[in-house]
Amino acid sequence: MSVVGQPGRNAMTPLAIAVLASLDERPMHPYEMYQVLMARREDLLVKVRPGSLYHAVARLAADELVRAEGTEREGNRPERTTYRITDTGRDALRGRITELLRAPVQEYPIFRVALAEAHTLPAEQVVALLRERAGRLGEAVTDADAMIAWASTHRIPRRYWFVLEYIQATIQAELTWIERFAADLDAGEIEWEIFDPDTGERITDSGDPTHEWPPGDHPDAAPRPRWAAGAARD
């Protein structure tokens, strides 16, 4: 972790961002941060575990992005140290959020890899698997609907939960695409390799010219998107 203007700031982890954002609201001890993050269902956004959260706070303190403000004890519970965000930490937080909002980042989601290599499975199996996934995505959309309705009913300021609307929209978009693609594949509208039903071996057509992709330096190579290459945008 490093401060604004120094190399390595982009290494700020998602959990560190969540911790700094929590402390930007008010000083807290780590267990309170954990409770706040879980209550706001930020475990949908970052991996939140008590141990990893305490480690993240310790790293932020070592980098002087937060500082210990005092300890307190309630009954027989262990002492808890309260932390406050520093000016440097606030600058680092706002700078990192600004970068992430401004330009897309190639995050390499594993599902895309599975889609790209799905041709290694028989078409009927891919259809079945995608329809199973679609059912689970439908449940996720319903869950997002419920959380949005709860936040609205309880008059939670929208700035704290509009990310749920984004999650809902992205899940719905994936669901819509999967249903359409599975229907096309099931209808035989997509060329697919044939597999021997007894052995599972692929029956290939060695004369298929579409199997070969031109290398990156070839004039006919597939174009590379600027944002995927990490190009800066104004």
C-alpha atoms as a PDB file:
ATOM      1  CA  MET A   1       0.000   0.000   0.000  1.00  0.00           C
ATOM      2  CA  SER A   2       1.270   3.465  -0.727  1.00  0.00           C
ATOM      3  CA  VAL A   3       0.040   7.006  -0.696  1.00  0.00           C
ATOM      4  CA  VAL A   4      -1.130   9.266  -3.487  1.00  0.00           C
ATOM      5  CA  GLY A   5       1.619  10.149  -5.914  1.00  0.00           C
ATOM      6  CA  GLN A   6       3.752   7.141  -5.062  1.00  0.00           C
ATOM      7  CA  PRO A   7       4.111   3.956  -7.144  1.00  0.00           C
ATOM      8  CA  GLY A   8       1.955   1.011  -6.156  1.00  0.00           C
ATOM      9  CA  ARG A   9      -1.188   2.876  -5.105  1.00  0.00           C
ATOM     10  CA  ASN A  10      -3.154   0.719  -7.551  1.00  0.00           C
ATOM     11  CA  ALA A  11      -2.326  -2.247  -5.299  1.00  0.00           C
ATOM     12  CA  MET A  12      -4.950  -1.064  -2.785  1.00  0.00           C
ATOM     13  CA  THR A  13      -7.152  -4.099  -2.234  1.00  0.00           C
ATOM     14  CA  PRO A  14     -10.957  -4.037  -2.435  1.00  0.00           C
ATOM     15  CA  LEU A  15     -11.130  -4.754   1.293  1.00  0.00           C
ATOM     16  CA  ALA A  16      -8.762  -1.869   2.036  1.00  0.00           C
ATOM     17  CA  ILE A  17     -11.005   0.430   0.000  1.00  0.00           C
ATOM     18  CA  ALA A  18     -14.041  -0.747   1.985  1.00  0.00           C
ATOM     19  CA  VAL A  19     -12.212  -0.210   5.288  1.00  0.00           C
ATOM     20  CA  LEU A  20     -11.069   3.296   4.375  1.00  0.00           C
ATOM     21  CA  ALA A  21     -14.548   4.206   3.161  1.00  0.00           C
ATOM     22  CA  SER A  22     -16.015   3.043   6.478  1.00  0.00           C
ATOM     23  CA  LEU A  23     -13.518   5.112   8.450  1.00  0.00           C
ATOM     24  CA  ASP A  24     -14.194   8.080   6.184  1.00  0.00           C
ATOM     25  CA  GLU A  25     -17.675   8.123   7.761  1.00  0.00           C
ATOM     26  CA  ARG A  26     -16.521   7.896  11.374  1.00  0.00           C
ATOM     27  CA  PRO A  27     -13.832   6.342  13.583  1.00  0.00           C
ATOM     28  CA  MET A  28     -14.479   2.652  14.343  1.00  0.00           C
ATOM     29  CA  HIS A  29     -12.790  -0.388  15.788  1.00  0.00           C
ATOM     30  CA  PRO A  30     -12.267  -3.342  13.405  1.00  0.00           C
ATOM     31  CA  TYR A  31     -15.142  -5.423  14.762  1.00  0.00           C
ATOM     32  CA  GLU A  32     -17.521  -2.498  14.272  1.00  0.00           C
ATOM     33  CA  MET A  33     -16.237  -2.123  10.705  1.00  0.00           C
ATOM     34  CA  TYR A  34     -16.977  -5.803  10.151  1.00  0.00           C
ATOM     35  CA  GLN A  35     -20.511  -5.410  11.483  1.00  0.00           C
ATOM     36  CA  VAL A  36     -21.145  -2.358   9.287  1.00  0.00           C
ATOM     37  CA  LEU A  37     -19.827  -4.045   6.146  1.00  0.00           C
ATOM     38  CA  MET A  38     -21.906  -7.160   6.760  1.00  0.00           C
ATOM     39  CA  ALA A  39     -25.046  -5.169   7.596  1.00  0.00           C
ATOM     40  CA  ARG A  40     -24.684  -3.312   4.320  1.00  0.00           C
ATOM     41  CA  ARG A  41     -24.129  -6.632   2.485  1.00  0.00           C
ATOM     42  CA  GLU A  42     -20.764  -5.472   1.218  1.00  0.00           C
ATOM     43  CA  ASP A  43     -19.769  -9.121   1.390  1.00  0.00           C
ATOM     44  CA  LEU A  44     -21.404  -9.197  -2.060  1.00  0.00           C
ATOM     45  CA  LEU A  45     -18.637  -6.861  -3.242  1.00  0.00           C
ATOM     46  CA  VAL A  46     -15.529  -7.939  -1.321  1.00  0.00           C
ATOM     47  CA  LYS A  47     -14.430 -10.977   0.654  1.00  0.00           C
ATOM     48  CA  VAL A  48     -15.042  -9.942   4.255  1.00  0.00           C
ATOM     49  CA  ARG A  49     -13.593 -12.121   7.000  1.00  0.00           C
ATOM     50  CA  PRO A  50     -12.720 -10.911  10.518  1.00  0.00           C
ATOM     51  CA  GLY A  51      -9.118 -12.099  10.219  1.00  0.00           C
ATOM     52  CA  SER A  52      -8.504 -10.535   6.819  1.00  0.00           C
ATOM     53  CA  LEU A  53     -10.177  -7.313   7.938  1.00  0.00           C
ATOM     54  CA  TYR A  54      -7.908  -7.007  10.994  1.00  0.00           C
ATOM     55  CA  HIS A  55      -4.915  -7.667   8.733  1.00  0.00           C
ATOM     56  CA  ALA A  56      -6.080  -4.981   6.284  1.00  0.00           C
ATOM     57  CA  VAL A  57      -6.429  -2.463   9.110  1.00  0.00           C
ATOM     58  CA  ALA A  58      -2.936  -3.302  10.368  1.00  0.00           C
ATOM     59  CA  ARG A  59      -1.514  -2.758   6.866  1.00  0.00           C
ATOM     60  CA  LEU A  60      -3.318   0.555   6.511  1.00  0.00           C
ATOM     61  CA  ALA A  61      -1.991   1.659   9.899  1.00  0.00           C
ATOM     62  CA  ALA A  62       1.556   0.660   8.949  1.00  0.00           C
ATOM     63  CA  ASP A  63       1.228   2.763   5.788  1.00  0.00           C
ATOM     64  CA  GLU A  64      -0.146   5.680   7.853  1.00  0.00           C
ATOM     65  CA  LEU A  65      -3.453   5.692   5.979  1.00  0.00           C
ATOM     66  CA  VAL A  66      -5.250   5.149   9.292  1.00  0.00           C
ATOM     67  CA  ARG A  67      -4.145   5.698  12.867  1.00  0.00           C
ATOM     68  CA  ALA A  68      -5.099   4.223  16.207  1.00  0.00           C
ATOM     69  CA  GLU A  69      -7.092   6.651  18.315  1.00  0.00           C
ATOM     70  CA  GLY A  70      -7.556   4.757  21.556  1.00  0.00           C
ATOM     71  CA  THR A  71      -8.748   1.515  23.107  1.00  0.00           C
ATOM     72  CA  GLU A  72     -11.876   0.559  24.989  1.00  0.00           C
ATOM     73  CA  ARG A  73     -13.102  -2.498  26.864  1.00  0.00           C
ATOM     74  CA  GLU A  74     -16.690  -3.652  27.332  1.00  0.00           C
ATOM     75  CA  GLY A  75     -17.157  -6.100  30.177  1.00  0.00           C
ATOM     76  CA  ASN A  76     -14.993  -9.187  29.805  1.00  0.00           C
ATOM     77  CA  ARG A  77     -14.407  -8.610  26.106  1.00  0.00           C
ATOM     78  CA  PRO A  78     -10.865  -7.971  24.813  1.00  0.00           C
ATOM     79  CA  GLU A  79      -9.754  -4.394  24.351  1.00  0.00           C
ATOM     80  CA  ARG A  80     -10.719  -2.896  21.026  1.00  0.00           C
ATOM     81  CA  THR A  81      -8.674  -0.272  19.267  1.00  0.00           C
ATOM     82  CA  THR A  82     -10.528   2.502  17.472  1.00  0.00           C
ATOM     83  CA  TYR A  83      -9.037   3.783  14.212  1.00  0.00           C
ATOM     84  CA  ARG A  84      -9.441   7.034  12.328  1.00  0.00           C
ATOM     85  CA  ILE A  85      -8.635   7.698   8.674  1.00  0.00           C
ATOM     86  CA  THR A  86      -5.747  10.102   8.101  1.00  0.00           C
ATOM     87  CA  ASP A  87      -5.652  12.901   5.559  1.00  0.00           C
ATOM     88  CA  THR A  88      -3.263  10.784   3.512  1.00  0.00           C
ATOM     89  CA  GLY A  89      -5.644   7.855   3.716  1.00  0.00           C
ATOM     90  CA  ARG A  90      -8.575   9.981   2.584  1.00  0.00           C
ATOM     91  CA  ASP A  91      -6.582  11.281  -0.379  1.00  0.00           C
ATOM     92  CA  ALA A  92      -5.550   7.724  -1.301  1.00  0.00           C
ATOM     93  CA  LEU A  93      -9.138   6.473  -1.013  1.00  0.00           C
ATOM     94  CA  ARG A  94     -10.595   9.240  -3.149  1.00  0.00           C
ATOM     95  CA  GLY A  95      -7.824   8.925  -5.705  1.00  0.00           C
ATOM     96  CA  ARG A  96      -8.322   5.183  -6.087  1.00  0.00           C
ATOM     97  CA  ILE A  97     -12.120   5.451  -6.364  1.00  0.00           C
ATOM     98  CA  THR A  98     -11.674   8.196  -8.969  1.00  0.00           C
ATOM     99  CA  GLU A  99      -9.438   5.914 -11.047  1.00  0.00           C
ATOM    100  CA  LEU A 100     -11.820   2.970 -10.815  1.00  0.00           C
ATOM    101  CA  LEU A 101     -14.871   5.035 -11.742  1.00  0.00           C
ATOM    102  CA  ARG A 102     -13.111   6.700 -14.672  1.00  0.00           C
ATOM    103  CA  ALA A 103     -11.834   3.745 -16.666  1.00  0.00           C
ATOM    104  CA  PRO A 104     -12.795   0.051 -16.997  1.00  0.00           C
ATOM    105  CA  VAL A 105     -10.289  -2.495 -15.739  1.00  0.00           C
ATOM    106  CA  GLN A 106      -9.741  -5.929 -17.269  1.00  0.00           C
ATOM    107  CA  GLU A 107     -10.661  -8.132 -14.294  1.00  0.00           C
ATOM    108  CA  TYR A 108     -10.532 -11.574 -15.969  1.00  0.00           C
ATOM    109  CA  PRO A 109     -13.715 -13.130 -14.524  1.00  0.00           C
ATOM    110  CA  ILE A 110     -13.445 -16.924 -14.561  1.00  0.00           C
ATOM    111  CA  PHE A 111     -16.888 -17.391 -16.150  1.00  0.00           C
ATOM    112  CA  ARG A 112     -15.624 -15.808 -19.358  1.00  0.00           C
ATOM    113  CA  VAL A 113     -12.902 -18.436 -19.500  1.00  0.00           C
ATOM    114  CA  ALA A 114     -15.510 -21.188 -19.143  1.00  0.00           C
ATOM    115  CA  LEU A 115     -17.568 -19.653 -21.954  1.00  0.00           C
ATOM    116  CA  ALA A 116     -14.545 -19.331 -24.231  1.00  0.00           C
ATOM    117  CA  GLU A 117     -13.647 -22.985 -23.731  1.00  0.00           C
ATOM    118  CA  ALA A 118     -17.195 -24.394 -23.595  1.00  0.00           C
ATOM    119  CA  HIS A 119     -16.637 -25.877 -27.059  1.00  0.00           C
ATOM    120  CA  THR A 120     -14.742 -28.678 -25.311  1.00  0.00           C
ATOM    121  CA  LEU A 121     -18.115 -30.016 -24.117  1.00  0.00           C
ATOM    122  CA  PRO A 122     -20.999 -31.425 -26.147  1.00  0.00           C
ATOM    123  CA  ALA A 123     -23.601 -28.835 -27.107  1.00  0.00           C
ATOM    124  CA  GLU A 124     -26.424 -30.507 -25.181  1.00  0.00           C
ATOM    125  CA  GLN A 125     -24.333 -30.496 -21.998  1.00  0.00           C
ATOM    126  CA  VAL A 126     -23.505 -26.798 -22.407  1.00  0.00           C
ATOM    127  CA  VAL A 127     -27.201 -26.021 -22.884  1.00  0.00           C
ATOM    128  CA  ALA A 128     -28.104 -27.919 -19.709  1.00  0.00           C
ATOM    129  CA  LEU A 129     -25.359 -26.262 -17.670  1.00  0.00           C
ATOM    130  CA  LEU A 130     -26.225 -22.761 -18.854  1.00  0.00           C
ATOM    131  CA  ARG A 131     -29.900 -23.284 -18.093  1.00  0.00           C
ATOM    132  CA  GLU A 132     -28.971 -24.451 -14.612  1.00  0.00           C
ATOM    133  CA  ARG A 133     -26.891 -21.298 -14.197  1.00  0.00           C
ATOM    134  CA  ALA A 134     -29.791 -19.219 -15.510  1.00  0.00           C
ATOM    135  CA  GLY A 135     -32.022 -20.612 -12.780  1.00  0.00           C
ATOM    136  CA  ARG A 136     -29.555 -19.544 -10.115  1.00  0.00           C
ATOM    137  CA  LEU A 137     -29.157 -16.121 -11.694  1.00  0.00           C
ATOM    138  CA  GLY A 138     -32.916 -15.732 -11.597  1.00  0.00           C
ATOM    139  CA  GLU A 139     -32.787 -16.359  -7.853  1.00  0.00           C
ATOM    140  CA  ALA A 140     -30.007 -13.765  -7.546  1.00  0.00           C
ATOM    141  CA  VAL A 141     -32.151 -11.186  -9.347  1.00  0.00           C
ATOM    142  CA  THR A 142     -34.988 -11.918  -6.917  1.00  0.00           C
ATOM    143  CA  ASP A 143     -32.591 -11.493  -3.985  1.00  0.00           C
ATOM    144  CA  ALA A 144     -31.382  -8.157  -5.358  1.00  0.00           C
ATOM    145  CA  ASP A 145     -34.975  -7.020  -5.790  1.00  0.00           C
ATOM    146  CA  ALA A 146     -35.678  -7.880  -2.158  1.00  0.00           C
ATOM    147  CA  MET A 147     -32.623  -6.006  -0.858  1.00  0.00           C
ATOM    148  CA  ILE A 148     -33.463  -2.927  -2.926  1.00  0.00           C
ATOM    149  CA  ALA A 149     -37.044  -2.984  -1.688  1.00  0.00           C
ATOM    150  CA  TRP A 150     -35.856  -3.327   1.919  1.00  0.00           C
ATOM    151  CA  ALA A 151     -33.422  -0.412   1.620  1.00  0.00           C
ATOM    152  CA  SER A 152     -36.079   1.772   0.038  1.00  0.00           C
ATOM    153  CA  THR A 153     -38.722   0.852   2.627  1.00  0.00           C
ATOM    154  CA  HIS A 154     -36.330   1.574   5.488  1.00  0.00           C
ATOM    155  CA  ARG A 155     -35.412   4.935   3.959  1.00  0.00           C
ATOM    156  CA  ILE A 156     -31.724   4.092   3.713  1.00  0.00           C
ATOM    157  CA  PRO A 157     -30.061   6.903   1.720  1.00  0.00           C
ATOM    158  CA  ARG A 158     -29.682   5.691  -1.863  1.00  0.00           C
ATOM    159  CA  ARG A 159     -25.989   6.615  -1.953  1.00  0.00           C
ATOM    160  CA  TYR A 160     -25.341   3.622   0.299  1.00  0.00           C
ATOM    161  CA  TRP A 161     -27.149   1.017  -1.788  1.00  0.00           C
ATOM    162  CA  PHE A 162     -27.414   2.101  -5.419  1.00  0.00           C
ATOM    163  CA  VAL A 163     -24.664  -0.450  -6.111  1.00  0.00           C
ATOM    164  CA  LEU A 164     -27.431  -3.036  -5.621  1.00  0.00           C
ATOM    165  CA  GLU A 165     -29.143  -1.573  -8.672  1.00  0.00           C
ATOM    166  CA  TYR A 166     -25.933  -2.080 -10.639  1.00  0.00           C
ATOM    167  CA  ILE A 167     -25.624  -5.662  -9.379  1.00  0.00           C
ATOM    168  CA  GLN A 168     -29.253  -6.300 -10.296  1.00  0.00           C
ATOM    169  CA  ALA A 169     -28.791  -4.859 -13.795  1.00  0.00           C
ATOM    170  CA  THR A 170     -25.593  -6.800 -14.515  1.00  0.00           C
ATOM    171  CA  ILE A 171     -27.075 -10.080 -13.305  1.00  0.00           C
ATOM    172  CA  GLN A 172     -30.171  -9.505 -15.409  1.00  0.00           C
ATOM    173  CA  ALA A 173     -28.038  -8.717 -18.457  1.00  0.00           C
ATOM    174  CA  GLU A 174     -26.051 -11.951 -18.004  1.00  0.00           C
ATOM    175  CA  LEU A 175     -29.273 -13.907 -17.504  1.00  0.00           C
ATOM    176  CA  THR A 176     -30.823 -12.481 -20.668  1.00  0.00           C
ATOM    177  CA  TRP A 177     -27.735 -13.295 -22.742  1.00  0.00           C
ATOM    178  CA  ILE A 178     -27.412 -16.834 -21.372  1.00  0.00           C
ATOM    179  CA  GLU A 179     -31.062 -17.641 -22.059  1.00  0.00           C
ATOM    180  CA  ARG A 180     -30.770 -16.372 -25.635  1.00  0.00           C
ATOM    181  CA  PHE A 181     -27.480 -18.154 -26.322  1.00  0.00           C
ATOM    182  CA  ALA A 182     -28.697 -21.445 -24.814  1.00  0.00           C
ATOM    183  CA  ALA A 183     -31.814 -21.253 -26.990  1.00  0.00           C
ATOM    184  CA  ASP A 184     -29.710 -20.662 -30.115  1.00  0.00           C
ATOM    185  CA  LEU A 185     -27.368 -23.537 -29.266  1.00  0.00           C
ATOM    186  CA  ASP A 186     -30.260 -25.861 -28.462  1.00  0.00           C
ATOM    187  CA  ALA A 187     -31.887 -25.025 -31.793  1.00  0.00           C
ATOM    188  CA  GLY A 188     -28.734 -25.898 -33.700  1.00  0.00           C
ATOM    189  CA  GLU A 189     -28.173 -22.338 -34.864  1.00  0.00           C
ATOM    190  CA  ILE A 190     -24.540 -22.358 -33.688  1.00  0.00           C
ATOM    191  CA  GLU A 191     -21.959 -24.576 -35.353  1.00  0.00           C
ATOM    192  CA  TRP A 192     -20.548 -26.955 -32.751  1.00  0.00           C
ATOM    193  CA  GLU A 193     -18.118 -29.804 -32.676  1.00  0.00           C
ATOM    194  CA  ILE A 194     -19.540 -33.324 -32.548  1.00  0.00           C
ATOM    195  CA  PHE A 195     -18.624 -35.758 -29.776  1.00  0.00           C
ATOM    196  CA  ASP A 196     -18.884 -39.528 -29.877  1.00  0.00           C
ATOM    197  CA  PRO A 197     -21.626 -40.361 -27.335  1.00  0.00           C
ATOM    198  CA  ASP A 198     -19.921 -43.645 -26.394  1.00  0.00           C
ATOM    199  CA  THR A 199     -16.309 -42.558 -25.998  1.00  0.00           C
ATOM    200  CA  GLY A 200     -16.667 -38.820 -25.447  1.00  0.00           C
ATOM    201  CA  GLU A 201     -14.009 -38.271 -28.083  1.00  0.00           C
ATOM    202  CA  ARG A 202     -14.307 -35.197 -30.285  1.00  0.00           C
ATOM    203  CA  ILE A 203     -15.117 -35.876 -33.930  1.00  0.00           C
ATOM    204  CA  THR A 204     -13.178 -33.134 -35.670  1.00  0.00           C
ATOM    205  CA  ASP A 205     -13.096 -31.794 -39.191  1.00  0.00           C
ATOM    206  CA  SER A 206      -9.435 -31.112 -39.860  1.00  0.00           C
ATOM    207  CA  GLY A 207     -10.386 -29.048 -42.878  1.00  0.00           C
ATOM    208  CA  ASP A 208     -12.233 -26.432 -40.831  1.00  0.00           C
ATOM    209  CA  PRO A 209     -10.495 -23.142 -41.772  1.00  0.00           C
ATOM    210  CA  THR A 210     -12.119 -21.194 -38.910  1.00  0.00           C
ATOM    211  CA  HIS A 211     -10.133 -23.134 -36.315  1.00  0.00           C
ATOM    212  CA  GLU A 212      -6.959 -21.191 -36.993  1.00  0.00           C
ATOM    213  CA  TRP A 213      -6.682 -17.626 -35.682  1.00  0.00           C
ATOM    214  CA  PRO A 214      -4.097 -15.278 -37.215  1.00  0.00           C
ATOM    215  CA  PRO A 215      -1.313 -14.349 -34.763  1.00  0.00           C
ATOM    216  CA  GLY A 216      -1.259 -10.934 -33.123  1.00  0.00           C
ATOM    217  CA  ASP A 217       1.190  -9.420 -35.610  1.00  0.00           C
ATOM    218  CA  HIS A 218      -0.798 -10.621 -38.637  1.00  0.00           C
ATOM    219  CA  PRO A 219      -2.621  -7.960 -40.711  1.00  0.00           C
ATOM    220  CA  ASP A 220      -5.864  -9.921 -40.282  1.00  0.00           C
ATOM    221  CA  ALA A 221      -5.456 -10.502 -36.536  1.00  0.00           C
ATOM    222  CA  ALA A 222      -8.443  -9.820 -34.302  1.00  0.00           C
ATOM    223  CA  PRO A 223      -8.476  -6.228 -33.021  1.00  0.00           C
ATOM    224  CA  ARG A 224      -7.461  -5.613 -29.425  1.00  0.00           C
ATOM    225  CA  PRO A 225      -9.750  -3.255 -27.494  1.00  0.00           C
ATOM    226  CA  ARG A 226      -8.004  -0.210 -26.055  1.00  0.00           C
ATOM    227  CA  TRP A 227      -9.588  -0.598 -22.625  1.00  0.00           C
ATOM    228  CA  ALA A 228      -8.552  -4.246 -22.386  1.00  0.00           C
ATOM    229  CA  ALA A 229      -4.971  -3.206 -23.076  1.00  0.00           C
ATOM    230  CA  GLY A 230      -5.113  -0.822 -20.144  1.00  0.00           C
ATOM    231  CA  ALA A 231      -4.989   2.298 -22.331  1.00  0.00           C
ATOM    232  CA  ALA A 232      -5.749   5.503 -20.492  1.00  0.00           C
ATOM    233  CA  ARG A 233      -8.902   7.368 -21.316  1.00  0.00           C
ATOM    234  CA  ASP A 234      -9.487  11.071 -21.063  1.00  0.00           C
END
